[in-house]
Amino acid sequence: MENDRIPDYRRILFWEPHVEVGDDELQFEFYTSDLTGEFEVVLDGFTTYGKPITIYKNIIVKEESQ
């Protein structure tokens, strides 16, 4: 069978409850579910001084080319 796996339609693409940011730039690499479309990535957290921080970024997930 060509595609013999169970489709994955979860909406949470990545979850890491504890990330320490040391530089101005931070990159994540992750795999998505089988859902395609535009998604909003939200990073919520606190600075070392306790100030809340929220960052929003939109990503587009396209169907995999074979």
N, C-alpha and C. Protein backbone atom coordinates (compact mmCIF):
# COMPACT_ATOMS: atom_id res chain seq x y z
N MET A 1 0.86 -1.18 0.00
CA MET A 1 0.00 0.00 0.00
C MET A 1 0.90 1.24 0.00
N GLU A 2 0.58 2.22 -0.85
CA GLU A 2 1.43 3.39 -1.02
C GLU A 2 1.49 4.27 0.23
N ASN A 3 0.36 4.55 0.83
CA ASN A 3 0.32 5.42 2.01
C ASN A 3 -0.39 4.66 3.12
N ASP A 4 0.34 3.83 3.85
CA ASP A 4 -0.28 2.93 4.82
C ASP A 4 -0.19 3.42 6.26
N ARG A 5 -0.18 4.74 6.46
CA ARG A 5 -0.16 5.28 7.82
C ARG A 5 -1.49 5.96 8.14
N ILE A 6 -1.74 6.13 9.40
CA ILE A 6 -2.97 6.78 9.86
C ILE A 6 -2.78 8.30 9.75
N PRO A 7 -3.71 9.03 9.11
CA PRO A 7 -3.57 10.49 9.02
C PRO A 7 -3.58 11.14 10.41
N ASP A 8 -2.86 12.23 10.52
CA ASP A 8 -2.72 12.95 11.78
C ASP A 8 -3.36 14.33 11.63
N TYR A 9 -4.47 14.56 12.31
CA TYR A 9 -5.19 15.83 12.17
C TYR A 9 -5.17 16.66 13.45
N ARG A 10 -4.14 16.46 14.29
CA ARG A 10 -4.03 17.29 15.51
C ARG A 10 -3.75 18.73 15.13
N ARG A 11 -4.22 19.67 15.95
CA ARG A 11 -4.04 21.08 15.67
C ARG A 11 -2.88 21.71 16.42
N ILE A 12 -2.35 21.08 17.44
CA ILE A 12 -1.16 21.58 18.11
C ILE A 12 0.03 20.99 17.38
N LEU A 13 0.85 21.85 16.79
CA LEU A 13 1.95 21.39 15.96
C LEU A 13 3.22 21.15 16.76
N PHE A 14 3.44 21.92 17.81
CA PHE A 14 4.65 21.80 18.60
C PHE A 14 4.36 22.33 19.99
N TRP A 15 4.88 21.67 20.97
CA TRP A 15 4.67 22.12 22.34
C TRP A 15 5.93 21.86 23.13
N GLU A 16 6.54 22.90 23.64
CA GLU A 16 7.72 22.79 24.49
C GLU A 16 7.48 23.72 25.67
N PRO A 17 7.14 23.17 26.82
CA PRO A 17 6.75 24.02 27.95
C PRO A 17 7.89 24.83 28.57
N HIS A 18 9.15 24.50 28.26
CA HIS A 18 10.24 25.25 28.87
C HIS A 18 11.34 25.48 27.84
N VAL A 19 11.51 26.73 27.41
CA VAL A 19 12.54 27.10 26.45
C VAL A 19 13.27 28.31 27.01
N GLU A 20 14.59 28.22 27.06
CA GLU A 20 15.39 29.37 27.49
C GLU A 20 16.00 30.02 26.26
N VAL A 21 15.77 31.32 26.13
CA VAL A 21 16.26 32.07 24.97
C VAL A 21 17.50 32.83 25.41
N GLY A 22 18.61 32.61 24.71
CA GLY A 22 19.84 33.28 25.07
C GLY A 22 20.27 34.34 24.07
N ASP A 23 19.84 34.23 22.83
CA ASP A 23 20.22 35.17 21.78
C ASP A 23 19.00 35.96 21.31
N ASP A 24 19.25 36.90 20.40
CA ASP A 24 18.15 37.67 19.83
C ASP A 24 17.32 36.85 18.87
N GLU A 25 17.88 35.76 18.34
CA GLU A 25 17.18 34.96 17.35
C GLU A 25 17.03 33.53 17.85
N LEU A 26 15.86 32.98 17.67
CA LEU A 26 15.58 31.61 18.10
C LEU A 26 14.88 30.88 16.97
N GLN A 27 15.35 29.69 16.64
CA GLN A 27 14.74 28.91 15.56
C GLN A 27 14.24 27.58 16.11
N PHE A 28 13.08 27.17 15.64
CA PHE A 28 12.50 25.88 15.99
C PHE A 28 12.36 25.07 14.72
N GLU A 29 12.60 23.81 14.82
CA GLU A 29 12.34 22.90 13.71
C GLU A 29 11.36 21.86 14.22
N PHE A 30 10.27 21.65 13.47
CA PHE A 30 9.26 20.70 13.89
C PHE A 30 8.52 20.17 12.68
N TYR A 31 7.83 19.08 12.87
CA TYR A 31 7.00 18.49 11.84
C TYR A 31 5.56 18.86 12.13
N THR A 32 4.78 19.01 11.08
CA THR A 32 3.37 19.36 11.25
C THR A 32 2.50 18.13 11.15
N SER A 33 1.24 18.32 11.44
CA SER A 33 0.26 17.25 11.23
C SER A 33 -0.08 17.21 9.74
N ASP A 34 -1.11 16.49 9.37
CA ASP A 34 -1.52 16.41 7.97
C ASP A 34 -2.45 17.54 7.55
N LEU A 35 -2.73 18.47 8.45
CA LEU A 35 -3.57 19.61 8.10
C LEU A 35 -2.74 20.63 7.33
N THR A 36 -3.31 21.14 6.24
CA THR A 36 -2.64 22.18 5.47
C THR A 36 -3.36 23.49 5.67
N GLY A 37 -2.69 24.58 5.34
CA GLY A 37 -3.30 25.90 5.45
C GLY A 37 -2.41 26.86 6.20
N GLU A 38 -2.98 27.99 6.58
CA GLU A 38 -2.24 29.01 7.31
C GLU A 38 -2.50 28.85 8.80
N PHE A 39 -1.43 28.88 9.58
CA PHE A 39 -1.52 28.71 11.02
C PHE A 39 -0.84 29.87 11.72
N GLU A 40 -1.33 30.20 12.89
CA GLU A 40 -0.70 31.23 13.70
C GLU A 40 0.10 30.56 14.81
N VAL A 41 1.37 30.87 14.87
CA VAL A 41 2.25 30.36 15.92
C VAL A 41 2.29 31.42 17.01
N VAL A 42 2.04 31.01 18.24
CA VAL A 42 2.03 31.94 19.37
C VAL A 42 3.05 31.49 20.40
N LEU A 43 3.94 32.38 20.75
CA LEU A 43 4.93 32.12 21.78
C LEU A 43 4.60 33.01 22.97
N ASP A 44 4.24 32.40 24.07
CA ASP A 44 3.94 33.13 25.31
C ASP A 44 4.99 32.78 26.35
N GLY A 45 5.41 33.75 27.11
CA GLY A 45 6.38 33.46 28.16
C GLY A 45 6.68 34.68 29.00
N PHE A 46 7.77 34.60 29.73
CA PHE A 46 8.18 35.68 30.61
C PHE A 46 9.67 35.91 30.45
N THR A 47 10.10 37.17 30.57
CA THR A 47 11.51 37.47 30.56
C THR A 47 12.10 37.08 31.91
N THR A 48 13.43 37.16 32.03
CA THR A 48 14.07 36.83 33.31
C THR A 48 13.67 37.80 34.41
N TYR A 49 13.11 38.95 34.02
CA TYR A 49 12.64 39.94 35.00
C TYR A 49 11.16 39.81 35.30
N GLY A 50 10.51 38.78 34.76
CA GLY A 50 9.09 38.55 35.03
C GLY A 50 8.14 39.29 34.13
N LYS A 51 8.65 39.98 33.11
CA LYS A 51 7.78 40.72 32.18
C LYS A 51 7.18 39.73 31.18
N PRO A 52 5.83 39.75 31.01
CA PRO A 52 5.21 38.84 30.04
C PRO A 52 5.59 39.23 28.61
N ILE A 53 5.73 38.22 27.77
CA ILE A 53 6.08 38.44 26.37
C ILE A 53 5.22 37.52 25.50
N THR A 54 4.73 38.05 24.38
CA THR A 54 3.95 37.27 23.42
C THR A 54 4.43 37.62 22.03
N ILE A 55 4.70 36.59 21.24
CA ILE A 55 5.13 36.78 19.86
C ILE A 55 4.20 35.97 18.97
N TYR A 56 3.74 36.59 17.88
CA TYR A 56 2.87 35.93 16.92
C TYR A 56 3.60 35.81 15.58
N LYS A 57 3.45 34.68 14.93
CA LYS A 57 4.04 34.48 13.60
C LYS A 57 3.12 33.57 12.81
N ASN A 58 2.81 33.93 11.58
CA ASN A 58 1.99 33.09 10.71
C ASN A 58 2.89 32.23 9.84
N ILE A 59 2.51 30.96 9.69
CA ILE A 59 3.21 30.04 8.81
C ILE A 59 2.20 29.40 7.87
N ILE A 60 2.67 28.94 6.73
CA ILE A 60 1.81 28.26 5.76
C ILE A 60 2.32 26.83 5.61
N VAL A 61 1.43 25.88 5.79
CA VAL A 61 1.74 24.46 5.62
C VAL A 61 1.11 24.01 4.31
N LYS A 62 1.96 23.54 3.41
CA LYS A 62 1.49 23.09 2.09
C LYS A 62 1.50 21.58 2.04
N GLU A 63 0.74 21.04 1.13
CA GLU A 63 0.71 19.60 0.92
C GLU A 63 2.08 19.15 0.41
N GLU A 64 2.55 18.04 0.94
CA GLU A 64 3.87 17.52 0.57
C GLU A 64 3.88 17.07 -0.88
N SER A 65 4.89 17.49 -1.62
CA SER A 65 5.06 17.04 -3.01
C SER A 65 5.71 15.68 -3.01
N GLN A 66 5.25 14.81 -3.90
CA GLN A 66 5.85 13.47 -3.97
C GLN A 66 6.50 13.23 -5.30
